[in-house]
C-alpha atoms as a PDB file:
ATOM      1  CA  MET A   1      -0.076   0.593  -0.149  1.00  0.00           C
ATOM      2  CA  ASN A   2       0.772   2.801  -0.897  1.00  0.00           C
ATOM      3  CA  CYS A   3      -0.440   5.900   1.603  1.00  0.00           C
ATOM      4  CA  HIS A   4       0.614   8.675   2.949  1.00  0.00           C
ATOM      5  CA  SER A   5      -1.706   9.597   6.132  1.00  0.00           C
ATOM      6  CA  GLU A   6      -1.274  11.472   8.022  1.00  0.00           C
ATOM      7  CA  TYR A   7      -3.149  10.268  10.487  1.00  0.00           C
ATOM      8  CA  LYS A   8      -1.331   9.204  14.442  1.00  0.00           C
ATOM      9  CA  VAL A   9      -2.211   5.937  16.294  1.00  0.00           C
ATOM     10  CA  CYS A  10      -2.456   6.503  19.863  1.00  0.00           C
ATOM     11  CA  TYR A  11      -2.841   4.301  22.994  1.00  0.00           C
ATOM     12  CA  TYR A  12      -5.193   5.590  25.507  1.00  0.00           C
ATOM     13  CA  ARG A  13      -4.033   5.584  28.588  1.00  0.00           C
ATOM     14  CA  ASP A  14      -6.815   5.013  32.230  1.00  0.00           C
ATOM     15  CA  SER A  15      -6.934   8.205  33.759  1.00  0.00           C
ATOM     16  CA  ARG A  16      -6.670   6.880  37.379  1.00  0.00           C
ATOM     17  CA  THR A  17      -4.683   4.194  37.097  1.00  0.00           C
ATOM     18  CA  LYS A  18      -2.270   5.794  33.984  1.00  0.00           C
ATOM     19  CA  GLN A  19      -2.369   2.253  32.964  1.00  0.00           C
ATOM     20  CA  VAL A  20      -2.525   1.646  28.749  1.00  0.00           C
ATOM     21  CA  PRO A  21      -4.901  -0.940  28.502  1.00  0.00           C
ATOM     22  CA  VAL A  22      -4.286  -1.669  25.003  1.00  0.00           C
ATOM     23  CA  LEU A  23      -0.116  -1.850  25.240  1.00  0.00           C
ATOM     24  CA  LYS A  24      -0.466  -4.292  28.435  1.00  0.00           C
ATOM     25  CA  TYR A  25      -2.564  -6.712  27.120  1.00  0.00           C
ATOM     26  CA  ILE A  26      -0.384  -7.073  23.124  1.00  0.00           C
ATOM     27  CA  GLN A  27       2.839  -6.740  25.611  1.00  0.00           C
ATOM     28  CA  LYS A  28       1.382 -10.830  27.369  1.00  0.00           C
ATOM     29  CA  ILE A  29       0.689 -12.122  23.548  1.00  0.00           C
ATOM     30  CA  PRO A  30       3.643 -14.350  22.141  1.00  0.00           C
ATOM     31  CA  VAL A  31       5.502 -12.423  19.498  1.00  0.00           C
ATOM     32  CA  LYS A  32       5.075 -13.228  16.533  1.00  0.00           C
ATOM     33  CA  ASP A  33       1.291 -12.026  17.274  1.00  0.00           C
ATOM     34  CA  ARG A  34       2.568  -9.078  18.260  1.00  0.00           C
ATOM     35  CA  ALA A  35       3.931  -8.396  15.000  1.00  0.00           C
ATOM     36  CA  LYS A  36       0.962  -8.700  13.316  1.00  0.00           C
ATOM     37  CA  ILE A  37      -1.065  -6.690  15.345  1.00  0.00           C
ATOM     38  CA  ALA A  38       1.952  -4.153  14.397  1.00  0.00           C
ATOM     39  CA  VAL A  39       1.345  -4.315  10.396  1.00  0.00           C
ATOM     40  CA  TYR A  40      -2.355  -4.192  11.509  1.00  0.00           C
ATOM     41  CA  ILE A  41      -2.313  -1.127  13.724  1.00  0.00           C
ATOM     42  CA  ILE A  42       0.112   0.464  10.447  1.00  0.00           C
ATOM     43  CA  PHE A  43      -2.931  -0.971   7.721  1.00  0.00           C
ATOM     44  CA  LEU A  44      -5.310   0.950  10.123  1.00  0.00           C
ATOM     45  CA  ARG A  45      -3.575   4.337   9.958  1.00  0.00           C
ATOM     46  CA  ASP A  46      -2.469   3.923   6.731  1.00  0.00           C
ATOM     47  CA  CYS A  47      -5.956   3.604   6.057  1.00  0.00           C
ATOM     48  CA  ASP A  48      -7.141   6.444   7.843  1.00  0.00           C
ATOM     49  CA  GLY A  49      -8.840   4.476   9.943  1.00  0.00           C
ATOM     50  CA  ARG A  50     -11.276   3.328   7.518  1.00  0.00           C
ATOM     51  CA  LEU A  51     -11.011  -0.257   7.235  1.00  0.00           C
ATOM     52  CA  ASP A  52     -14.397  -2.435   5.934  1.00  0.00           C
ATOM     53  CA  GLU A  53     -14.624  -6.294   7.142  1.00  0.00           C
ATOM     54  CA  PRO A  54     -13.114  -9.182   7.332  1.00  0.00           C
ATOM     55  CA  TYR A  55     -10.231  -6.149   8.591  1.00  0.00           C
ATOM     56  CA  SER A  56     -12.585  -3.804  10.758  1.00  0.00           C
ATOM     57  CA  ARG A  57     -16.617  -3.816  12.235  1.00  0.00           C
ATOM     58  CA  TYR A  58     -18.760  -1.324  13.514  1.00  0.00           C
ATOM     59  CA  ILE A  59     -19.362  -1.925  16.984  1.00  0.00           C
ATOM     60  CA  ARG A  60     -22.022   0.879  18.670  1.00  0.00           C
ATOM     61  CA  SER A  61     -21.509   4.540  19.647  1.00  0.00           C
ATOM     62  CA  GLY A  62     -18.535   5.119  17.329  1.00  0.00           C
ATOM     63  CA  ILE A  63     -15.971   2.679  18.166  1.00  0.00           C
ATOM     64  CA  ARG A  64     -15.220   0.464  15.417  1.00  0.00           C
ATOM     65  CA  GLU A  65     -13.065  -3.122  15.756  1.00  0.00           C
ATOM     66  CA  LEU A  66     -10.058  -3.987  14.453  1.00  0.00           C
ATOM     67  CA  ARG A  67     -10.057  -8.147  14.068  1.00  0.00           C
ATOM     68  CA  ILE A  68      -6.561  -9.499  13.829  1.00  0.00           C
ATOM     69  CA  ASP A  69      -6.688 -13.105  12.737  1.00  0.00           C
ATOM     70  CA  PHE A  70      -3.646 -15.181  14.050  1.00  0.00           C
ATOM     71  CA  SER A  71      -3.446 -19.193  13.904  1.00  0.00           C
ATOM     72  CA  ARG A  72      -6.568 -19.726  16.211  1.00  0.00           C
ATOM     73  CA  ASN A  73      -6.105 -16.765  18.029  1.00  0.00           C
ATOM     74  CA  ARG A  74      -8.630 -14.040  17.341  1.00  0.00           C
ATOM     75  CA  HIS A  75      -7.402 -10.424  18.213  1.00  0.00           C
ATOM     76  CA  ARG A  76      -9.909  -8.010  18.465  1.00  0.00           C
ATOM     77  CA  ILE A  77      -9.009  -3.803  19.082  1.00  0.00           C
ATOM     78  CA  PHE A  78     -11.460  -1.405  19.453  1.00  0.00           C
ATOM     79  CA  TYR A  79     -10.795   1.813  18.385  1.00  0.00           C
ATOM     80  CA  ILE A  80     -12.156   5.568  17.603  1.00  0.00           C
ATOM     81  CA  THR A  81     -10.963   7.966  15.077  1.00  0.00           C
ATOM     82  CA  VAL A  82     -11.565  11.282  16.967  1.00  0.00           C
ATOM     83  CA  GLU A  83     -10.111  15.222  15.795  1.00  0.00           C
ATOM     84  CA  LYS A  84      -6.259  15.872  14.226  1.00  0.00           C
ATOM     85  CA  LYS A  85      -6.591  12.622  12.814  1.00  0.00           C
ATOM     86  CA  GLN A  86      -5.859  10.395  15.626  1.00  0.00           C
ATOM     87  CA  ILE A  87      -6.836   7.613  15.813  1.00  0.00           C
ATOM     88  CA  ILE A  88      -7.348   5.521  20.012  1.00  0.00           C
ATOM     89  CA  LEU A  89      -6.801   1.959  20.527  1.00  0.00           C
ATOM     90  CA  LEU A  90      -9.134   2.144  23.842  1.00  0.00           C
ATOM     91  CA  HIS A  91      -9.261  -1.882  24.477  1.00  0.00           C
ATOM     92  CA  ALA A  92      -8.369  -5.396  23.410  1.00  0.00           C
ATOM     93  CA  PHE A  93      -9.287  -8.781  23.791  1.00  0.00           C
ATOM     94  CA  LEU A  94      -8.637 -12.037  22.814  1.00  0.00           C
ATOM     95  CA  LYS A  95     -11.695 -13.067  21.357  1.00  0.00           C
ATOM     96  CA  LYS A  96     -13.111 -17.366  21.865  1.00  0.00           C
ATOM     97  CA  THR A  97     -17.016 -17.072  21.521  1.00  0.00           C
ATOM     98  CA  ALA A  98     -18.999 -16.714  17.621  1.00  0.00           C
ATOM     99  CA  LYS A  99     -20.529 -13.343  19.475  1.00  0.00           C
ATOM    100  CA  THR A 100     -17.930 -10.434  21.184  1.00  0.00           C
ATOM    101  CA  PRO A 101     -18.780 -10.590  25.130  1.00  0.00           C
ATOM    102  CA  LYS A 102     -20.488  -7.723  26.592  1.00  0.00           C
ATOM    103  CA  GLN A 103     -18.079  -7.525  28.860  1.00  0.00           C
ATOM    104  CA  GLU A 104     -15.711  -6.405  26.075  1.00  0.00           C
ATOM    105  CA  ILE A 105     -17.584  -3.798  23.902  1.00  0.00           C
ATOM    106  CA  VAL A 106     -19.061  -2.698  27.687  1.00  0.00           C
ATOM    107  CA  HIS A 107     -15.025  -1.858  29.020  1.00  0.00           C
ATOM    108  CA  ALA A 108     -14.478  -0.543  25.309  1.00  0.00           C
ATOM    109  CA  LEU A 109     -17.483   2.001  25.987  1.00  0.00           C
ATOM    110  CA  ASN A 110     -15.794   2.869  29.403  1.00  0.00           C
ATOM    111  CA  ASN A 111     -12.829   3.926  28.317  1.00  0.00           C
ATOM    112  CA  PHE A 112     -14.397   5.635  25.745  1.00  0.00           C
ATOM    113  CA  GLU A 113     -16.342   8.141  28.240  1.00  0.00           C
ATOM    114  CA  ASP A 114     -12.327   8.600  30.088  1.00  0.00           C
ATOM    115  CA  TYR A 115     -10.791   9.285  27.045  1.00  0.00           C
ATOM    116  CA  LYS A 116     -13.656  12.188  26.416  1.00  0.00           C
ATOM    117  CA  ILE A 117     -13.121  12.914  29.763  1.00  0.00           C
ATOM    118  CA  ASN A 118      -9.600  13.653  30.010  1.00  0.00           C
ATOM    119  CA  LYS A 119      -8.761  13.627  26.806  1.00  0.00           C
ATOM    120  CA  ASN A 120      -5.258  10.273  27.958  1.00  0.00           C
ATOM    121  CA  PHE A 121      -3.436   8.647  25.439  1.00  0.00           C
ATOM    122  CA  ILE A 122      -0.016   8.126  24.262  1.00  0.00           C
ATOM    123  CA  LYS A 123       1.126   8.165  20.889  1.00  0.00           C
ATOM    124  CA  TYR A 124       2.181   4.850  18.686  1.00  0.00           C
ATOM    125  CA  GLU A 125       5.768   5.085  17.220  1.00  0.00           C
ATOM    126  CA  ASN A 126       6.536   2.609  14.025  1.00  0.00           C
END
């Protein structure tokens, strides 16, 4: 892909705990899975946060799901696209069921609300 996107990928940072949930998730998974996730995040950035299925799917309230399947692992990263050409990665999890678990969506919604109030994030550098 030969895009020259001006979009930046950022990780949401919890305003209370100061933790970065998506980075914490990525650091716990196998190295090969991490590498594939990094490629998908770059792909997402290069496409200005606009990917269709099978790469991404709309969840609700402006939140989309980046879908990374690697071997038997189905990683999901919830994200939003906001002003100033930023993609904020809100929440990540390993999908083990056919439907997205409601508690994972609630996590993403809560992180989104915290982001809207506090605008806490860190920039992703590749």
